[in-house]
Amino acid sequence: MQEYIQVMTTVEQRSDAERIARALVEKRLAACVQVAGPVTSYFHWEGRLDSAEEYLCFIKSRVDLFPELEAVIGEMHPYEVPEIIATPVTRGGTDYANWLAAELKP
């Protein structure tokens, strides 16, 4: 199995999540982006405890595409410090892995 990753990012507006998702899939940096939410996030920002309703993007990609994927998210993301976290996919179904390979940029 190739080195696949799931990348997560959150945004305040569903329209931003959809815009990022479409761009990543169109550029074949992601085979699939699932948008979930709203979710409630709690965090420290500018010295105080804060919270926000956000939309969470689950992005299916490959390790070697991460730098370009990160750059696209960074350019499109409305936050000053966007969450961009990648976790490795250690196991997956063969058919799904074949589909990922076919849908991602070579």
PDB file of N, CA and C in Angstrom:
ATOM      1  N   MET A   1       0.845  -1.186   0.000  1.00  0.00           N
ATOM      2  CA  MET A   1       0.000   0.000   0.000  1.00  0.00           C
ATOM      3  C   MET A   1       0.885   1.242   0.000  1.00  0.00           C
ATOM      4  N   GLN A   2       0.568   2.196  -0.869  1.00  0.00           N
ATOM      5  CA  GLN A   2       1.313   3.448  -0.892  1.00  0.00           C
ATOM      6  C   GLN A   2       1.098   4.183   0.417  1.00  0.00           C
ATOM      7  N   GLU A   3       1.849   5.244   0.598  1.00  0.00           N
ATOM      8  CA  GLU A   3       1.728   6.025   1.824  1.00  0.00           C
ATOM      9  C   GLU A   3       0.612   7.053   1.694  1.00  0.00           C
ATOM     10  N   TYR A   4      -0.569   6.646   2.151  1.00  0.00           N
ATOM     11  CA  TYR A   4      -1.726   7.533   2.125  1.00  0.00           C
ATOM     12  C   TYR A   4      -1.866   8.252   3.455  1.00  0.00           C
ATOM     13  N   ILE A   5      -2.502   9.420   3.400  1.00  0.00           N
ATOM     14  CA  ILE A   5      -2.731  10.216   4.598  1.00  0.00           C
ATOM     15  C   ILE A   5      -4.162  10.723   4.599  1.00  0.00           C
ATOM     16  N   GLN A   6      -4.616  11.052   5.791  1.00  0.00           N
ATOM     17  CA  GLN A   6      -5.861  11.800   5.932  1.00  0.00           C
ATOM     18  C   GLN A   6      -5.478  13.133   6.557  1.00  0.00           C
ATOM     19  N   VAL A   7      -5.828  14.202   5.877  1.00  0.00           N
ATOM     20  CA  VAL A   7      -5.500  15.545   6.332  1.00  0.00           C
ATOM     21  C   VAL A   7      -6.789  16.172   6.853  1.00  0.00           C
ATOM     22  N   MET A   8      -6.666  16.931   7.928  1.00  0.00           N
ATOM     23  CA  MET A   8      -7.826  17.619   8.487  1.00  0.00           C
ATOM     24  C   MET A   8      -7.564  19.116   8.532  1.00  0.00           C
ATOM     25  N   THR A   9      -8.616  19.853   8.249  1.00  0.00           N
ATOM     26  CA  THR A   9      -8.600  21.298   8.447  1.00  0.00           C
ATOM     27  C   THR A   9     -10.006  21.730   8.835  1.00  0.00           C
ATOM     28  N   THR A  10     -10.107  22.830   9.548  1.00  0.00           N
ATOM     29  CA  THR A  10     -11.406  23.359   9.944  1.00  0.00           C
ATOM     30  C   THR A  10     -11.537  24.794   9.453  1.00  0.00           C
ATOM     31  N   VAL A  11     -12.775  25.170   9.123  1.00  0.00           N
ATOM     32  CA  VAL A  11     -13.088  26.535   8.712  1.00  0.00           C
ATOM     33  C   VAL A  11     -14.412  26.948   9.342  1.00  0.00           C
ATOM     34  N   GLU A  12     -14.643  28.238   9.423  1.00  0.00           N
ATOM     35  CA  GLU A  12     -15.852  28.742  10.075  1.00  0.00           C
ATOM     36  C   GLU A  12     -17.101  28.610   9.200  1.00  0.00           C
ATOM     37  N   GLN A  13     -16.944  28.777   7.902  1.00  0.00           N
ATOM     38  CA  GLN A  13     -18.090  28.776   6.988  1.00  0.00           C
ATOM     39  C   GLN A  13     -18.104  27.517   6.122  1.00  0.00           C
ATOM     40  N   ARG A  14     -19.281  26.935   5.957  1.00  0.00           N
ATOM     41  CA  ARG A  14     -19.416  25.756   5.088  1.00  0.00           C
ATOM     42  C   ARG A  14     -18.963  26.089   3.662  1.00  0.00           C
ATOM     43  N   SER A  15     -19.243  27.284   3.203  1.00  0.00           N
ATOM     44  CA  SER A  15     -18.852  27.673   1.841  1.00  0.00           C
ATOM     45  C   SER A  15     -17.331  27.618   1.660  1.00  0.00           C
ATOM     46  N   ASP A  16     -16.570  27.977   2.699  1.00  0.00           N
ATOM     47  CA  ASP A  16     -15.105  27.880   2.628  1.00  0.00           C
ATOM     48  C   ASP A  16     -14.669  26.421   2.559  1.00  0.00           C
ATOM     49  N   ALA A  17     -15.309  25.564   3.351  1.00  0.00           N
ATOM     50  CA  ALA A  17     -14.992  24.134   3.330  1.00  0.00           C
ATOM     51  C   ALA A  17     -15.253  23.555   1.948  1.00  0.00           C
ATOM     52  N   GLU A  18     -16.382  23.908   1.368  1.00  0.00           N
ATOM     53  CA  GLU A  18     -16.735  23.395   0.044  1.00  0.00           C
ATOM     54  C   GLU A  18     -15.787  23.918  -1.033  1.00  0.00           C
ATOM     55  N   ARG A  19     -15.394  25.167  -0.928  1.00  0.00           N
ATOM     56  CA  ARG A  19     -14.463  25.771  -1.894  1.00  0.00           C
ATOM     57  C   ARG A  19     -13.103  25.075  -1.846  1.00  0.00           C
ATOM     58  N   ILE A  20     -12.594  24.833  -0.634  1.00  0.00           N
ATOM     59  CA  ILE A  20     -11.321  24.139  -0.459  1.00  0.00           C
ATOM     60  C   ILE A  20     -11.438  22.702  -0.959  1.00  0.00           C
ATOM     61  N   ALA A  21     -12.521  22.029  -0.604  1.00  0.00           N
ATOM     62  CA  ALA A  21     -12.720  20.636  -1.025  1.00  0.00           C
ATOM     63  C   ALA A  21     -12.716  20.514  -2.549  1.00  0.00           C
ATOM     64  N   ARG A  22     -13.471  21.368  -3.205  1.00  0.00           N
ATOM     65  CA  ARG A  22     -13.548  21.319  -4.668  1.00  0.00           C
ATOM     66  C   ARG A  22     -12.183  21.564  -5.310  1.00  0.00           C
ATOM     67  N   ALA A  23     -11.453  22.540  -4.811  1.00  0.00           N
ATOM     68  CA  ALA A  23     -10.141  22.857  -5.388  1.00  0.00           C
ATOM     69  C   ALA A  23      -9.173  21.680  -5.238  1.00  0.00           C
ATOM     70  N   LEU A  24      -9.159  21.052  -4.070  1.00  0.00           N
ATOM     71  CA  LEU A  24      -8.239  19.940  -3.849  1.00  0.00           C
ATOM     72  C   LEU A  24      -8.576  18.740  -4.723  1.00  0.00           C
ATOM     73  N   VAL A  25      -9.866  18.453  -4.879  1.00  0.00           N
ATOM     74  CA  VAL A  25     -10.268  17.320  -5.718  1.00  0.00           C
ATOM     75  C   VAL A  25     -10.033  17.650  -7.194  1.00  0.00           C
ATOM     76  N   GLU A  26     -10.349  18.872  -7.618  1.00  0.00           N
ATOM     77  CA  GLU A  26     -10.120  19.260  -9.014  1.00  0.00           C
ATOM     78  C   GLU A  26      -8.646  19.167  -9.384  1.00  0.00           C
ATOM     79  N   LYS A  27      -7.761  19.545  -8.460  1.00  0.00           N
ATOM     80  CA  LYS A  27      -6.320  19.499  -8.716  1.00  0.00           C
ATOM     81  C   LYS A  27      -5.745  18.093  -8.505  1.00  0.00           C
ATOM     82  N   ARG A  28      -6.608  17.151  -8.103  1.00  0.00           N
ATOM     83  CA  ARG A  28      -6.234  15.760  -7.816  1.00  0.00           C
ATOM     84  C   ARG A  28      -5.198  15.648  -6.697  1.00  0.00           C
ATOM     85  N   LEU A  29      -5.218  16.626  -5.795  1.00  0.00           N
ATOM     86  CA  LEU A  29      -4.406  16.548  -4.583  1.00  0.00           C
ATOM     87  C   LEU A  29      -5.137  15.750  -3.519  1.00  0.00           C
ATOM     88  N   ALA A  30      -6.432  15.585  -3.697  1.00  0.00           N
ATOM     89  CA  ALA A  30      -7.276  14.779  -2.820  1.00  0.00           C
ATOM     90  C   ALA A  30      -8.172  13.914  -3.697  1.00  0.00           C
ATOM     91  N   ALA A  31      -8.334  12.664  -3.287  1.00  0.00           N
ATOM     92  CA  ALA A  31      -9.261  11.786  -4.000  1.00  0.00           C
ATOM     93  C   ALA A  31     -10.683  12.062  -3.528  1.00  0.00           C
ATOM     94  N   CYS A  32     -10.798  12.474  -2.265  1.00  0.00           N
ATOM     95  CA  CYS A  32     -12.095  12.696  -1.650  1.00  0.00           C
ATOM     96  C   CYS A  32     -11.911  13.675  -0.500  1.00  0.00           C
ATOM     97  N   VAL A  33     -12.874  14.554  -0.313  1.00  0.00           N
ATOM     98  CA  VAL A  33     -12.913  15.416   0.861  1.00  0.00           C
ATOM     99  C   VAL A  33     -14.310  15.323   1.451  1.00  0.00           C
ATOM    100  N   GLN A  34     -14.380  14.917   2.685  1.00  0.00           N
ATOM    101  CA  GLN A  34     -15.660  14.877   3.388  1.00  0.00           C
ATOM    102  C   GLN A  34     -15.756  16.107   4.270  1.00  0.00           C
ATOM    103  N   VAL A  35     -16.892  16.785   4.183  1.00  0.00           N
ATOM    104  CA  VAL A  35     -17.138  17.976   4.998  1.00  0.00           C
ATOM    105  C   VAL A  35     -18.162  17.601   6.061  1.00  0.00           C
ATOM    106  N   ALA A  36     -17.795  17.780   7.320  1.00  0.00           N
ATOM    107  CA  ALA A  36     -18.685  17.456   8.439  1.00  0.00           C
ATOM    108  C   ALA A  36     -18.898  18.701   9.285  1.00  0.00           C
ATOM    109  N   GLY A  37     -20.054  18.755   9.903  1.00  0.00           N
ATOM    110  CA  GLY A  37     -20.265  19.852  10.821  1.00  0.00           C
ATOM    111  C   GLY A  37     -21.666  20.409  10.744  1.00  0.00           C
ATOM    112  N   PRO A  38     -21.872  21.391  11.557  1.00  0.00           N
ATOM    113  CA  PRO A  38     -20.839  22.061  12.349  1.00  0.00           C
ATOM    114  C   PRO A  38     -20.391  21.237  13.559  1.00  0.00           C
ATOM    115  N   VAL A  39     -19.128  21.452  13.921  1.00  0.00           N
ATOM    116  CA  VAL A  39     -18.544  20.900  15.132  1.00  0.00           C
ATOM    117  C   VAL A  39     -18.149  22.080  16.010  1.00  0.00           C
ATOM    118  N   THR A  40     -18.028  21.856  17.291  1.00  0.00           N
ATOM    119  CA  THR A  40     -17.604  22.924  18.193  1.00  0.00           C
ATOM    120  C   THR A  40     -16.164  22.684  18.598  1.00  0.00           C
ATOM    121  N   SER A  41     -15.321  23.683  18.390  1.00  0.00           N
ATOM    122  CA  SER A  41     -13.909  23.616  18.749  1.00  0.00           C
ATOM    123  C   SER A  41     -13.640  24.547  19.924  1.00  0.00           C
ATOM    124  N   TYR A  42     -12.804  24.085  20.846  1.00  0.00           N
ATOM    125  CA  TYR A  42     -12.362  24.884  21.992  1.00  0.00           C
ATOM    126  C   TYR A  42     -10.851  25.019  21.893  1.00  0.00           C
ATOM    127  N   PHE A  43     -10.335  26.245  22.130  1.00  0.00           N
ATOM    128  CA  PHE A  43      -8.913  26.507  21.935  1.00  0.00           C
ATOM    129  C   PHE A  43      -8.530  27.805  22.636  1.00  0.00           C
ATOM    130  N   HIS A  44      -7.231  27.986  22.816  1.00  0.00           N
ATOM    131  CA  HIS A  44      -6.721  29.269  23.291  1.00  0.00           C
ATOM    132  C   HIS A  44      -6.357  30.111  22.075  1.00  0.00           C
ATOM    133  N   TRP A  45      -6.760  31.362  22.080  1.00  0.00           N
ATOM    134  CA  TRP A  45      -6.406  32.283  21.005  1.00  0.00           C
ATOM    135  C   TRP A  45      -6.232  33.663  21.603  1.00  0.00           C
ATOM    136  N   GLU A  46      -5.092  34.283  21.306  1.00  0.00           N
ATOM    137  CA  GLU A  46      -4.760  35.609  21.790  1.00  0.00           C
ATOM    138  C   GLU A  46      -4.921  35.716  23.300  1.00  0.00           C
ATOM    139  N   GLY A  47      -4.436  34.682  24.003  1.00  0.00           N
ATOM    140  CA  GLY A  47      -4.381  34.705  25.453  1.00  0.00           C
ATOM    141  C   GLY A  47      -5.655  34.366  26.192  1.00  0.00           C
ATOM    142  N   ARG A  48      -6.683  33.926  25.482  1.00  0.00           N
ATOM    143  CA  ARG A  48      -7.915  33.568  26.198  1.00  0.00           C
ATOM    144  C   ARG A  48      -8.521  32.302  25.620  1.00  0.00           C
ATOM    145  N   LEU A  49      -9.315  31.640  26.443  1.00  0.00           N
ATOM    146  CA  LEU A  49     -10.037  30.460  26.018  1.00  0.00           C
ATOM    147  C   LEU A  49     -11.164  30.901  25.089  1.00  0.00           C
ATOM    148  N   ASP A  50     -11.273  30.249  23.949  1.00  0.00           N
ATOM    149  CA  ASP A  50     -12.270  30.631  22.959  1.00  0.00           C
ATOM    150  C   ASP A  50     -12.945  29.369  22.433  1.00  0.00           C
ATOM    151  N   SER A  51     -14.010  29.540  21.714  1.00  0.00           N
ATOM    152  CA  SER A  51     -14.680  28.427  21.048  1.00  0.00           C
ATOM    153  C   SER A  51     -15.296  28.943  19.753  1.00  0.00           C
ATOM    154  N   ALA A  52     -15.554  27.997  18.851  1.00  0.00           N
ATOM    155  CA  ALA A  52     -16.145  28.376  17.571  1.00  0.00           C
ATOM    156  C   ALA A  52     -16.861  27.181  16.972  1.00  0.00           C
ATOM    157  N   GLU A  53     -17.929  27.464  16.249  1.00  0.00           N
ATOM    158  CA  GLU A  53     -18.555  26.432  15.428  1.00  0.00           C
ATOM    159  C   GLU A  53     -17.815  26.426  14.110  1.00  0.00           C
ATOM    160  N   GLU A  54     -17.399  25.239  13.682  1.00  0.00           N
ATOM    161  CA  GLU A  54     -16.599  25.116  12.472  1.00  0.00           C
ATOM    162  C   GLU A  54     -17.066  23.928  11.649  1.00  0.00           C
ATOM    163  N   TYR A  55     -16.569  23.877  10.427  1.00  0.00           N
ATOM    164  CA  TYR A  55     -16.774  22.734   9.536  1.00  0.00           C
ATOM    165  C   TYR A  55     -15.439  22.030   9.376  1.00  0.00           C
ATOM    166  N   LEU A  56     -15.480  20.720   9.476  1.00  0.00           N
ATOM    167  CA  LEU A  56     -14.277  19.896   9.459  1.00  0.00           C
ATOM    168  C   LEU A  56     -14.158  19.195   8.119  1.00  0.00           C
ATOM    169  N   CYS A  57     -13.011  19.344   7.484  1.00  0.00           N
ATOM    170  CA  CYS A  57     -12.723  18.670   6.223  1.00  0.00           C
ATOM    171  C   CYS A  57     -11.798  17.492   6.484  1.00  0.00           C
ATOM    172  N   PHE A  58     -12.214  16.315   6.044  1.00  0.00           N
ATOM    173  CA  PHE A  58     -11.392  15.104   6.077  1.00  0.00           C
ATOM    174  C   PHE A  58     -10.924  14.874   4.644  1.00  0.00           C
ATOM    175  N   ILE A  59      -9.630  15.006   4.419  1.00  0.00           N
ATOM    176  CA  ILE A  59      -9.048  15.008   3.077  1.00  0.00           C
ATOM    177  C   ILE A  59      -8.222  13.745   2.884  1.00  0.00           C
ATOM    178  N   LYS A  60      -8.561  12.951   1.851  1.00  0.00           N
ATOM    179  CA  LYS A  60      -7.835  11.707   1.565  1.00  0.00           C
ATOM    180  C   LYS A  60      -6.793  11.993   0.498  1.00  0.00           C
ATOM    181  N   SER A  61      -5.520  11.737   0.812  1.00  0.00           N
ATOM    182  CA  SER A  61      -4.441  12.070  -0.106  1.00  0.00           C
ATOM    183  C   SER A  61      -3.274  11.101   0.065  1.00  0.00           C
ATOM    184  N   ARG A  62      -2.115  11.528  -0.463  1.00  0.00           N
ATOM    185  CA  ARG A  62      -0.897  10.729  -0.413  1.00  0.00           C
ATOM    186  C   ARG A  62       0.219  11.586   0.186  1.00  0.00           C
ATOM    187  N   VAL A  63       1.131  10.965   0.885  1.00  0.00           N
ATOM    188  CA  VAL A  63       2.205  11.676   1.595  1.00  0.00           C
ATOM    189  C   VAL A  63       2.966  12.632   0.676  1.00  0.00           C
ATOM    190  N   ASP A  64       3.339  12.185  -0.503  1.00  0.00           N
ATOM    191  CA  ASP A  64       4.160  13.023  -1.378  1.00  0.00           C
ATOM    192  C   ASP A  64       3.404  14.244  -1.921  1.00  0.00           C
ATOM    193  N   LEU A  65       2.083  14.227  -1.838  1.00  0.00           N
ATOM    194  CA  LEU A  65       1.290  15.369  -2.294  1.00  0.00           C
ATOM    195  C   LEU A  65       1.061  16.407  -1.189  1.00  0.00           C
ATOM    196  N   PHE A  66       1.468  16.082   0.039  1.00  0.00           N
ATOM    197  CA  PHE A  66       1.181  16.969   1.172  1.00  0.00           C
ATOM    198  C   PHE A  66       1.724  18.391   0.989  1.00  0.00           C
ATOM    199  N   PRO A  67       2.965  18.595   0.565  1.00  0.00           N
ATOM    200  CA  PRO A  67       3.444  19.988   0.444  1.00  0.00           C
ATOM    201  C   PRO A  67       2.570  20.842  -0.471  1.00  0.00           C
ATOM    202  N   GLU A  68       2.161  20.303  -1.612  1.00  0.00           N
ATOM    203  CA  GLU A  68       1.310  21.059  -2.535  1.00  0.00           C
ATOM    204  C   GLU A  68      -0.088  21.247  -1.958  1.00  0.00           C
ATOM    205  N   LEU A  69      -0.612  20.200  -1.339  1.00  0.00           N
ATOM    206  CA  LEU A  69      -1.929  20.259  -0.697  1.00  0.00           C
ATOM    207  C   LEU A  69      -1.928  21.322   0.409  1.00  0.00           C
ATOM    208  N   GLU A  70      -0.893  21.315   1.224  1.00  0.00           N
ATOM    209  CA  GLU A  70      -0.769  22.309   2.301  1.00  0.00           C
ATOM    210  C   GLU A  70      -0.722  23.724   1.734  1.00  0.00           C
ATOM    211  N   ALA A  71       0.009  23.914   0.646  1.00  0.00           N
ATOM    212  CA  ALA A  71       0.116  25.244   0.034  1.00  0.00           C
ATOM    213  C   ALA A  71      -1.242  25.726  -0.477  1.00  0.00           C
ATOM    214  N   VAL A  72      -1.994  24.844  -1.126  1.00  0.00           N
ATOM    215  CA  VAL A  72      -3.311  25.227  -1.644  1.00  0.00           C
ATOM    216  C   VAL A  72      -4.250  25.584  -0.498  1.00  0.00           C
ATOM    217  N   ILE A  73      -4.265  24.750   0.542  1.00  0.00           N
ATOM    218  CA  ILE A  73      -5.114  25.071   1.699  1.00  0.00           C
ATOM    219  C   ILE A  73      -4.702  26.410   2.288  1.00  0.00           C
ATOM    220  N   GLY A  74      -3.407  26.612   2.478  1.00  0.00           N
ATOM    221  CA  GLY A  74      -2.916  27.861   3.054  1.00  0.00           C
ATOM    222  C   GLY A  74      -3.316  29.087   2.252  1.00  0.00           C
ATOM    223  N   GLU A  75      -3.277  28.975   0.928  1.00  0.00           N
ATOM    224  CA  GLU A  75      -3.658  30.103   0.064  1.00  0.00           C
ATOM    225  C   GLU A  75      -5.157  30.407   0.157  1.00  0.00           C
ATOM    226  N   MET A  76      -5.965  29.371   0.315  1.00  0.00           N
ATOM    227  CA  MET A  76      -7.418  29.535   0.272  1.00  0.00           C
ATOM    228  C   MET A  76      -8.052  29.726   1.644  1.00  0.00           C
ATOM    229  N   HIS A  77      -7.330  29.379   2.681  1.00  0.00           N
ATOM    230  CA  HIS A  77      -7.900  29.330   4.026  1.00  0.00           C
ATOM    231  C   HIS A  77      -8.082  30.729   4.604  1.00  0.00           C
ATOM    232  N   PRO A  78      -9.230  30.991   5.207  1.00  0.00           N
ATOM    233  CA  PRO A  78      -9.483  32.327   5.758  1.00  0.00           C
ATOM    234  C   PRO A  78      -8.820  32.594   7.114  1.00  0.00           C
ATOM    235  N   TYR A  79      -8.352  31.550   7.814  1.00  0.00           N
ATOM    236  CA  TYR A  79      -7.779  31.756   9.151  1.00  0.00           C
ATOM    237  C   TYR A  79      -6.340  32.243   9.071  1.00  0.00           C
ATOM    238  N   GLU A  80      -5.949  33.003  10.074  1.00  0.00           N
ATOM    239  CA  GLU A  80      -4.567  33.462  10.196  1.00  0.00           C
ATOM    240  C   GLU A  80      -3.628  32.277  10.407  1.00  0.00           C
ATOM    241  N   VAL A  81      -4.052  31.318  11.230  1.00  0.00           N
ATOM    242  CA  VAL A  81      -3.274  30.109  11.504  1.00  0.00           C
ATOM    243  C   VAL A  81      -4.191  28.907  11.277  1.00  0.00           C
ATOM    244  N   PRO A  82      -4.252  28.400  10.052  1.00  0.00           N
ATOM    245  CA  PRO A  82      -5.154  27.275   9.790  1.00  0.00           C
ATOM    246  C   PRO A  82      -4.631  25.965  10.374  1.00  0.00           C
ATOM    247  N   GLU A  83      -5.558  25.157  10.843  1.00  0.00           N
ATOM    248  CA  GLU A  83      -5.220  23.802  11.256  1.00  0.00           C
ATOM    249  C   GLU A  83      -5.035  22.979   9.985  1.00  0.00           C
ATOM    250  N   ILE A  84      -3.858  22.409   9.827  1.00  0.00           N
ATOM    251  CA  ILE A  84      -3.586  21.478   8.727  1.00  0.00           C
ATOM    252  C   ILE A  84      -2.798  20.334   9.342  1.00  0.00           C
ATOM    253  N   ILE A  85      -3.489  19.230   9.610  1.00  0.00           N
ATOM    254  CA  ILE A  85      -2.883  18.094  10.304  1.00  0.00           C
ATOM    255  C   ILE A  85      -3.029  16.856   9.433  1.00  0.00           C
ATOM    256  N   ALA A  86      -1.933  16.143   9.224  1.00  0.00           N
ATOM    257  CA  ALA A  86      -1.955  14.906   8.447  1.00  0.00           C
ATOM    258  C   ALA A  86      -1.672  13.723   9.365  1.00  0.00           C
ATOM    259  N   THR A  87      -2.469  12.683   9.182  1.00  0.00           N
ATOM    260  CA  THR A  87      -2.232  11.431   9.914  1.00  0.00           C
ATOM    261  C   THR A  87      -2.078  10.315   8.894  1.00  0.00           C
ATOM    262  N   PRO A  88      -1.187   9.368   9.173  1.00  0.00           N
ATOM    263  CA  PRO A  88      -0.981   8.282   8.218  1.00  0.00           C
ATOM    264  C   PRO A  88      -2.153   7.307   8.210  1.00  0.00           C
ATOM    265  N   VAL A  89      -2.413   6.762   7.041  1.00  0.00           N
ATOM    266  CA  VAL A  89      -3.380   5.679   6.903  1.00  0.00           C
ATOM    267  C   VAL A  89      -2.548   4.400   6.904  1.00  0.00           C
ATOM    268  N   THR A  90      -2.659   3.636   7.962  1.00  0.00           N
ATOM    269  CA  THR A  90      -1.815   2.453   8.103  1.00  0.00           C
ATOM    270  C   THR A  90      -2.425   1.203   7.482  1.00  0.00           C
ATOM    271  N   ARG A  91      -3.733   1.180   7.341  1.00  0.00           N
ATOM    272  CA  ARG A  91      -4.417   0.043   6.734  1.00  0.00           C
ATOM    273  C   ARG A  91      -5.628   0.571   5.986  1.00  0.00           C
ATOM    274  N   GLY A  92      -6.032  -0.192   4.979  1.00  0.00           N
ATOM    275  CA  GLY A  92      -7.221   0.179   4.231  1.00  0.00           C
ATOM    276  C   GLY A  92      -7.624  -0.945   3.302  1.00  0.00           C
ATOM    277  N   GLY A  93      -8.853  -0.895   2.877  1.00  0.00           N
ATOM    278  CA  GLY A  93      -9.338  -1.905   1.951  1.00  0.00           C
ATOM    279  C   GLY A  93      -8.621  -1.820   0.611  1.00  0.00           C
ATOM    280  N   THR A  94      -8.366  -2.950   0.004  1.00  0.00           N
ATOM    281  CA  THR A  94      -7.650  -3.002  -1.268  1.00  0.00           C
ATOM    282  C   THR A  94      -8.381  -2.232  -2.351  1.00  0.00           C
ATOM    283  N   ASP A  95      -9.680  -2.431  -2.461  1.00  0.00           N
ATOM    284  CA  ASP A  95     -10.443  -1.736  -3.499  1.00  0.00           C
ATOM    285  C   ASP A  95     -10.391  -0.219  -3.296  1.00  0.00           C
ATOM    286  N   TYR A  96     -10.487   0.220  -2.037  1.00  0.00           N
ATOM    287  CA  TYR A  96     -10.435   1.660  -1.755  1.00  0.00           C
ATOM    288  C   TYR A  96      -9.047   2.211  -2.073  1.00  0.00           C
ATOM    289  N   ALA A  97      -8.002   1.480  -1.716  1.00  0.00           N
ATOM    290  CA  ALA A  97      -6.632   1.918  -2.009  1.00  0.00           C
ATOM    291  C   ALA A  97      -6.411   2.017  -3.516  1.00  0.00           C
ATOM    292  N   ASN A  98      -6.945   1.085  -4.268  1.00  0.00           N
ATOM    293  CA  ASN A  98      -6.830   1.140  -5.735  1.00  0.00           C
ATOM    294  C   ASN A  98      -7.556   2.357  -6.279  1.00  0.00           C
ATOM    295  N   TRP A  99      -8.726   2.649  -5.706  1.00  0.00           N
ATOM    296  CA  TRP A  99      -9.479   3.824  -6.141  1.00  0.00           C
ATOM    297  C   TRP A  99      -8.697   5.109  -5.825  1.00  0.00           C
ATOM    298  N   LEU A 100      -8.118   5.195  -4.609  1.00  0.00           N
ATOM    299  CA  LEU A 100      -7.305   6.360  -4.246  1.00  0.00           C
ATOM    300  C   LEU A 100      -6.176   6.555  -5.253  1.00  0.00           C
ATOM    301  N   ALA A 101      -5.480   5.476  -5.551  1.00  0.00           N
ATOM    302  CA  ALA A 101      -4.339   5.558  -6.478  1.00  0.00           C
ATOM    303  C   ALA A 101      -4.785   6.090  -7.836  1.00  0.00           C
ATOM    304  N   ALA A 102      -5.943   5.671  -8.289  1.00  0.00           N
ATOM    305  CA  ALA A 102      -6.440   6.089  -9.604  1.00  0.00           C
ATOM    306  C   ALA A 102      -6.897   7.545  -9.618  1.00  0.00           C
ATOM    307  N   GLU A 103      -7.356   8.067  -8.492  1.00  0.00           N
ATOM    308  CA  GLU A 103      -7.943   9.408  -8.444  1.00  0.00           C
ATOM    309  C   GLU A 103      -6.940  10.508  -8.121  1.00  0.00           C
ATOM    310  N   LEU A 104      -5.806  10.141  -7.546  1.00  0.00           N
ATOM    311  CA  LEU A 104      -4.818  11.154  -7.164  1.00  0.00           C
ATOM    312  C   LEU A 104      -3.848  11.430  -8.293  1.00  0.00           C
ATOM    313  N   LYS A 105      -3.309  12.617  -8.270  1.00  0.00           N
ATOM    314  CA  LYS A 105      -2.297  13.062  -9.221  1.00  0.00           C
ATOM    315  C   LYS A 105      -1.146  12.049  -9.234  1.00  0.00           C
ATOM    316  N   PRO A 106      -0.662  11.684 -10.431  1.00  0.00           N
ATOM    317  CA  PRO A 106       0.468  10.724 -10.494  1.00  0.00           C
ATOM    318  C   PRO A 106       1.762  11.317  -9.953  1.00  0.00           C
TER     319      PRO A 106
END
